[in-house]
Amino acid sequence: MDPSQAAPDFEQVIEAGYSAVLSAHVTLTPDLQYIRHPGGCAERGEVIAFLLRLKASY
């Protein structure tokens, strides 16, 4: 490990998701993530990510 770089800290992830069936063929899945110290680096702060998945099958 390079002593000039900060030592790895930790990464904390909190996630909330839901799956909504809109019809017999369509599902909508929203997902919210809060990431503290992304990549294990305390200097990077925090990230909030929102994902939205739409699945259609025929």
PDB file of N, CA and C in Angstrom:
ATOM      1  N   MET A   1       0.845  -1.191   0.000  1.00  0.00           N
ATOM      2  CA  MET A   1       0.000   0.000   0.000  1.00  0.00           C
ATOM      3  C   MET A   1       0.883   1.245   0.000  1.00  0.00           C
ATOM      4  N   ASP A   2       0.510   2.212  -0.784  1.00  0.00           N
ATOM      5  CA  ASP A   2       1.253   3.460  -0.901  1.00  0.00           C
ATOM      6  C   ASP A   2       0.970   4.337   0.326  1.00  0.00           C
ATOM      7  N   PRO A   3       1.983   4.688   1.121  1.00  0.00           N
ATOM      8  CA  PRO A   3       1.745   5.494   2.324  1.00  0.00           C
ATOM      9  C   PRO A   3       1.261   6.907   2.038  1.00  0.00           C
ATOM     10  N   SER A   4       1.395   7.379   0.796  1.00  0.00           N
ATOM     11  CA  SER A   4       0.919   8.727   0.476  1.00  0.00           C
ATOM     12  C   SER A   4      -0.595   8.764   0.261  1.00  0.00           C
ATOM     13  N   GLN A   5      -1.224   7.596   0.103  1.00  0.00           N
ATOM     14  CA  GLN A   5      -2.669   7.532  -0.084  1.00  0.00           C
ATOM     15  C   GLN A   5      -3.346   7.213   1.243  1.00  0.00           C
ATOM     16  N   ALA A   6      -4.588   7.671   1.368  1.00  0.00           N
ATOM     17  CA  ALA A   6      -5.355   7.412   2.587  1.00  0.00           C
ATOM     18  C   ALA A   6      -5.660   5.917   2.716  1.00  0.00           C
ATOM     19  N   ALA A   7      -5.627   5.438   3.939  1.00  0.00           N
ATOM     20  CA  ALA A   7      -5.953   4.033   4.190  1.00  0.00           C
ATOM     21  C   ALA A   7      -7.432   3.786   3.923  1.00  0.00           C
ATOM     22  N   PRO A   8      -7.775   2.607   3.401  1.00  0.00           N
ATOM     23  CA  PRO A   8      -9.191   2.308   3.172  1.00  0.00           C
ATOM     24  C   PRO A   8      -9.976   2.387   4.472  1.00  0.00           C
ATOM     25  N   ASP A   9     -11.161   2.923   4.378  1.00  0.00           N
ATOM     26  CA  ASP A   9     -12.023   3.078   5.550  1.00  0.00           C
ATOM     27  C   ASP A   9     -13.102   2.002   5.481  1.00  0.00           C
ATOM     28  N   PHE A  10     -14.289   2.349   5.109  1.00  0.00           N
ATOM     29  CA  PHE A  10     -15.385   1.405   4.949  1.00  0.00           C
ATOM     30  C   PHE A  10     -16.381   1.984   3.966  1.00  0.00           C
ATOM     31  N   GLU A  11     -17.238   1.129   3.448  1.00  0.00           N
ATOM     32  CA  GLU A  11     -18.327   1.562   2.585  1.00  0.00           C
ATOM     33  C   GLU A  11     -19.627   1.078   3.226  1.00  0.00           C
ATOM     34  N   GLN A  12     -20.596   1.965   3.321  1.00  0.00           N
ATOM     35  CA  GLN A  12     -21.895   1.626   3.910  1.00  0.00           C
ATOM     36  C   GLN A  12     -22.975   1.912   2.871  1.00  0.00           C
ATOM     37  N   VAL A  13     -23.846   0.923   2.642  1.00  0.00           N
ATOM     38  CA  VAL A  13     -24.908   1.065   1.655  1.00  0.00           C
ATOM     39  C   VAL A  13     -26.244   0.779   2.322  1.00  0.00           C
ATOM     40  N   ILE A  14     -27.189   1.690   2.128  1.00  0.00           N
ATOM     41  CA  ILE A  14     -28.565   1.488   2.572  1.00  0.00           C
ATOM     42  C   ILE A  14     -29.419   1.550   1.313  1.00  0.00           C
ATOM     43  N   GLU A  15     -30.263   0.530   1.129  1.00  0.00           N
ATOM     44  CA  GLU A  15     -31.017   0.428  -0.114  1.00  0.00           C
ATOM     45  C   GLU A  15     -32.489   0.152   0.172  1.00  0.00           C
ATOM     46  N   ALA A  16     -33.348   0.807  -0.591  1.00  0.00           N
ATOM     47  CA  ALA A  16     -34.792   0.568  -0.493  1.00  0.00           C
ATOM     48  C   ALA A  16     -35.319   0.362  -1.908  1.00  0.00           C
ATOM     49  N   GLY A  17     -36.077  -0.703  -2.083  1.00  0.00           N
ATOM     50  CA  GLY A  17     -36.611  -1.006  -3.399  1.00  0.00           C
ATOM     51  C   GLY A  17     -38.036  -1.538  -3.296  1.00  0.00           C
ATOM     52  N   TYR A  18     -38.708  -1.516  -4.418  1.00  0.00           N
ATOM     53  CA  TYR A  18     -40.089  -1.980  -4.472  1.00  0.00           C
ATOM     54  C   TYR A  18     -40.351  -2.477  -5.882  1.00  0.00           C
ATOM     55  N   SER A  19     -41.177  -3.478  -6.020  1.00  0.00           N
ATOM     56  CA  SER A  19     -41.539  -3.983  -7.331  1.00  0.00           C
ATOM     57  C   SER A  19     -43.050  -3.867  -7.499  1.00  0.00           C
ATOM     58  N   ALA A  20     -43.479  -3.117  -8.503  1.00  0.00           N
ATOM     59  CA  ALA A  20     -44.909  -2.910  -8.758  1.00  0.00           C
ATOM     60  C   ALA A  20     -45.292  -3.583 -10.068  1.00  0.00           C
ATOM     61  N   VAL A  21     -46.232  -4.482  -9.987  1.00  0.00           N
ATOM     62  CA  VAL A  21     -46.740  -5.148 -11.188  1.00  0.00           C
ATOM     63  C   VAL A  21     -47.824  -4.248 -11.784  1.00  0.00           C
ATOM     64  N   LEU A  22     -47.548  -3.691 -12.953  1.00  0.00           N
ATOM     65  CA  LEU A  22     -48.483  -2.775 -13.593  1.00  0.00           C
ATOM     66  C   LEU A  22     -49.514  -3.506 -14.444  1.00  0.00           C
ATOM     67  N   SER A  23     -49.118  -4.631 -15.003  1.00  0.00           N
ATOM     68  CA  SER A  23     -50.039  -5.481 -15.764  1.00  0.00           C
ATOM     69  C   SER A  23     -49.447  -6.890 -15.779  1.00  0.00           C
ATOM     70  N   ALA A  24     -50.076  -7.792 -16.492  1.00  0.00           N
ATOM     71  CA  ALA A  24     -49.577  -9.167 -16.557  1.00  0.00           C
ATOM     72  C   ALA A  24     -48.205  -9.249 -17.235  1.00  0.00           C
ATOM     73  N   HIS A  25     -47.832  -8.208 -17.977  1.00  0.00           N
ATOM     74  CA  HIS A  25     -46.584  -8.246 -18.737  1.00  0.00           C
ATOM     75  C   HIS A  25     -45.598  -7.134 -18.367  1.00  0.00           C
ATOM     76  N   VAL A  26     -45.968  -6.220 -17.499  1.00  0.00           N
ATOM     77  CA  VAL A  26     -45.118  -5.058 -17.206  1.00  0.00           C
ATOM     78  C   VAL A  26     -44.891  -4.919 -15.698  1.00  0.00           C
ATOM     79  N   THR A  27     -43.598  -4.820 -15.318  1.00  0.00           N
ATOM     80  CA  THR A  27     -43.217  -4.624 -13.919  1.00  0.00           C
ATOM     81  C   THR A  27     -42.325  -3.385 -13.828  1.00  0.00           C
ATOM     82  N   LEU A  28     -42.594  -2.528 -12.855  1.00  0.00           N
ATOM     83  CA  LEU A  28     -41.811  -1.322 -12.607  1.00  0.00           C
ATOM     84  C   LEU A  28     -41.130  -1.470 -11.253  1.00  0.00           C
ATOM     85  N   THR A  29     -39.798  -1.279 -11.213  1.00  0.00           N
ATOM     86  CA  THR A  29     -39.046  -1.463  -9.980  1.00  0.00           C
ATOM     87  C   THR A  29     -38.187  -0.230  -9.682  1.00  0.00           C
ATOM     88  N   PRO A  30     -38.639   0.665  -8.792  1.00  0.00           N
ATOM     89  CA  PRO A  30     -37.791   1.774  -8.360  1.00  0.00           C
ATOM     90  C   PRO A  30     -36.852   1.302  -7.251  1.00  0.00           C
ATOM     91  N   ASP A  31     -35.665   1.895  -7.188  1.00  0.00           N
ATOM     92  CA  ASP A  31     -34.649   1.509  -6.212  1.00  0.00           C
ATOM     93  C   ASP A  31     -33.879   2.759  -5.799  1.00  0.00           C
ATOM     94  N   LEU A  32     -33.774   3.002  -4.504  1.00  0.00           N
ATOM     95  CA  LEU A  32     -33.052   4.157  -3.975  1.00  0.00           C
ATOM     96  C   LEU A  32     -31.887   3.648  -3.126  1.00  0.00           C
ATOM     97  N   GLN A  33     -30.678   4.180  -3.383  1.00  0.00           N
ATOM     98  CA  GLN A  33     -29.493   3.752  -2.647  1.00  0.00           C
ATOM     99  C   GLN A  33     -28.788   4.969  -2.045  1.00  0.00           C
ATOM    100  N   TYR A  34     -28.377   4.813  -0.798  1.00  0.00           N
ATOM    101  CA  TYR A  34     -27.549   5.813  -0.115  1.00  0.00           C
ATOM    102  C   TYR A  34     -26.218   5.136   0.162  1.00  0.00           C
ATOM    103  N   ILE A  35     -25.136   5.695  -0.348  1.00  0.00           N
ATOM    104  CA  ILE A  35     -23.815   5.098  -0.206  1.00  0.00           C
ATOM    105  C   ILE A  35     -22.912   6.079   0.535  1.00  0.00           C
ATOM    106  N   ARG A  36     -22.421   5.656   1.667  1.00  0.00           N
ATOM    107  CA  ARG A  36     -21.519   6.471   2.492  1.00  0.00           C
ATOM    108  C   ARG A  36     -20.105   5.935   2.320  1.00  0.00           C
ATOM    109  N   HIS A  37     -19.173   6.794   2.041  1.00  0.00           N
ATOM    110  CA  HIS A  37     -17.769   6.460   1.785  1.00  0.00           C
ATOM    111  C   HIS A  37     -17.649   5.499   0.603  1.00  0.00           C
ATOM    112  N   PRO A  38     -18.116   5.894  -0.598  1.00  0.00           N
ATOM    113  CA  PRO A  38     -18.041   4.991  -1.749  1.00  0.00           C
ATOM    114  C   PRO A  38     -16.609   4.537  -2.025  1.00  0.00           C
ATOM    115  N   GLY A  39     -16.465   3.258  -2.293  1.00  0.00           N
ATOM    116  CA  GLY A  39     -15.142   2.699  -2.555  1.00  0.00           C
ATOM    117  C   GLY A  39     -14.288   2.561  -1.315  1.00  0.00           C
ATOM    118  N   GLY A  40     -14.875   2.764  -0.140  1.00  0.00           N
ATOM    119  CA  GLY A  40     -14.118   2.628   1.102  1.00  0.00           C
ATOM    120  C   GLY A  40     -13.246   3.822   1.424  1.00  0.00           C
ATOM    121  N   CYS A  41     -13.549   4.973   0.849  1.00  0.00           N
ATOM    122  CA  CYS A  41     -12.740   6.169   1.069  1.00  0.00           C
ATOM    123  C   CYS A  41     -13.589   7.247   1.751  1.00  0.00           C
ATOM    124  N   ALA A  42     -13.224   7.603   2.974  1.00  0.00           N
ATOM    125  CA  ALA A  42     -13.979   8.582   3.747  1.00  0.00           C
ATOM    126  C   ALA A  42     -13.942   9.972   3.098  1.00  0.00           C
ATOM    127  N   GLU A  43     -12.922  10.248   2.304  1.00  0.00           N
ATOM    128  CA  GLU A  43     -12.785  11.563   1.679  1.00  0.00           C
ATOM    129  C   GLU A  43     -13.803  11.782   0.560  1.00  0.00           C
ATOM    130  N   ARG A  44     -14.424  10.725   0.063  1.00  0.00           N
ATOM    131  CA  ARG A  44     -15.374  10.847  -1.040  1.00  0.00           C
ATOM    132  C   ARG A  44     -16.772  11.240  -0.585  1.00  0.00           C
ATOM    133  N   GLY A  45     -17.033  11.219   0.699  1.00  0.00           N
ATOM    134  CA  GLY A  45     -18.334  11.672   1.189  1.00  0.00           C
ATOM    135  C   GLY A  45     -19.436  10.656   1.002  1.00  0.00           C
ATOM    136  N   GLU A  46     -20.527  11.083   0.338  1.00  0.00           N
ATOM    137  CA  GLU A  46     -21.686  10.214   0.189  1.00  0.00           C
ATOM    138  C   GLU A  46     -22.323  10.394  -1.182  1.00  0.00           C
ATOM    139  N   VAL A  47     -23.095   9.382  -1.603  1.00  0.00           N
ATOM    140  CA  VAL A  47     -23.746   9.373  -2.905  1.00  0.00           C
ATOM    141  C   VAL A  47     -25.186   8.904  -2.717  1.00  0.00           C
ATOM    142  N   ILE A  48     -26.104   9.511  -3.435  1.00  0.00           N
ATOM    143  CA  ILE A  48     -27.485   9.041  -3.475  1.00  0.00           C
ATOM    144  C   ILE A  48     -27.776   8.667  -4.926  1.00  0.00           C
ATOM    145  N   ALA A  49     -28.224   7.428  -5.126  1.00  0.00           N
ATOM    146  CA  ALA A  49     -28.501   6.940  -6.474  1.00  0.00           C
ATOM    147  C   ALA A  49     -29.959   6.494  -6.559  1.00  0.00           C
ATOM    148  N   PHE A  50     -30.610   6.831  -7.654  1.00  0.00           N
ATOM    149  CA  PHE A  50     -31.982   6.393  -7.898  1.00  0.00           C
ATOM    150  C   PHE A  50     -32.006   5.633  -9.206  1.00  0.00           C
ATOM    151  N   LEU A  51     -32.523   4.415  -9.166  1.00  0.00           N
ATOM    152  CA  LEU A  51     -32.619   3.583 -10.360  1.00  0.00           C
ATOM    153  C   LEU A  51     -34.082   3.258 -10.611  1.00  0.00           C
ATOM    154  N   LEU A  52     -34.431   3.155 -11.862  1.00  0.00           N
ATOM    155  CA  LEU A  52     -35.796   2.815 -12.230  1.00  0.00           C
ATOM    156  C   LEU A  52     -35.735   1.758 -13.330  1.00  0.00           C
ATOM    157  N   ARG A  53     -36.253   0.582 -13.047  1.00  0.00           N
ATOM    158  CA  ARG A  53     -36.235  -0.510 -14.011  1.00  0.00           C
ATOM    159  C   ARG A  53     -37.659  -0.775 -14.497  1.00  0.00           C
ATOM    160  N   LEU A  54     -37.778  -0.939 -15.789  1.00  0.00           N
ATOM    161  CA  LEU A  54     -39.054  -1.284 -16.411  1.00  0.00           C
ATOM    162  C   LEU A  54     -38.844  -2.586 -17.161  1.00  0.00           C
ATOM    163  N   LYS A  55     -39.593  -3.603 -16.785  1.00  0.00           N
ATOM    164  CA  LYS A  55     -39.460  -4.910 -17.418  1.00  0.00           C
ATOM    165  C   LYS A  55     -40.761  -5.245 -18.135  1.00  0.00           C
ATOM    166  N   ALA A  56     -40.644  -5.515 -19.413  1.00  0.00           N
ATOM    167  CA  ALA A  56     -41.809  -5.899 -20.217  1.00  0.00           C
ATOM    168  C   ALA A  56     -41.531  -7.246 -20.842  1.00  0.00           C
ATOM    169  N   SER A  57     -42.470  -8.171 -20.717  1.00  0.00           N
ATOM    170  CA  SER A  57     -42.328  -9.484 -21.331  1.00  0.00           C
ATOM    171  C   SER A  57     -43.608  -9.827 -22.096  1.00  0.00           C
ATOM    172  N   TYR A  58     -43.418 -10.428 -23.242  1.00  0.00           N
ATOM    173  CA  TYR A  58     -44.578 -10.770 -24.077  1.00  0.00           C
ATOM    174  C   TYR A  58     -44.521 -12.211 -24.494  1.00  0.00           C
TER     175      TYR A  58
END
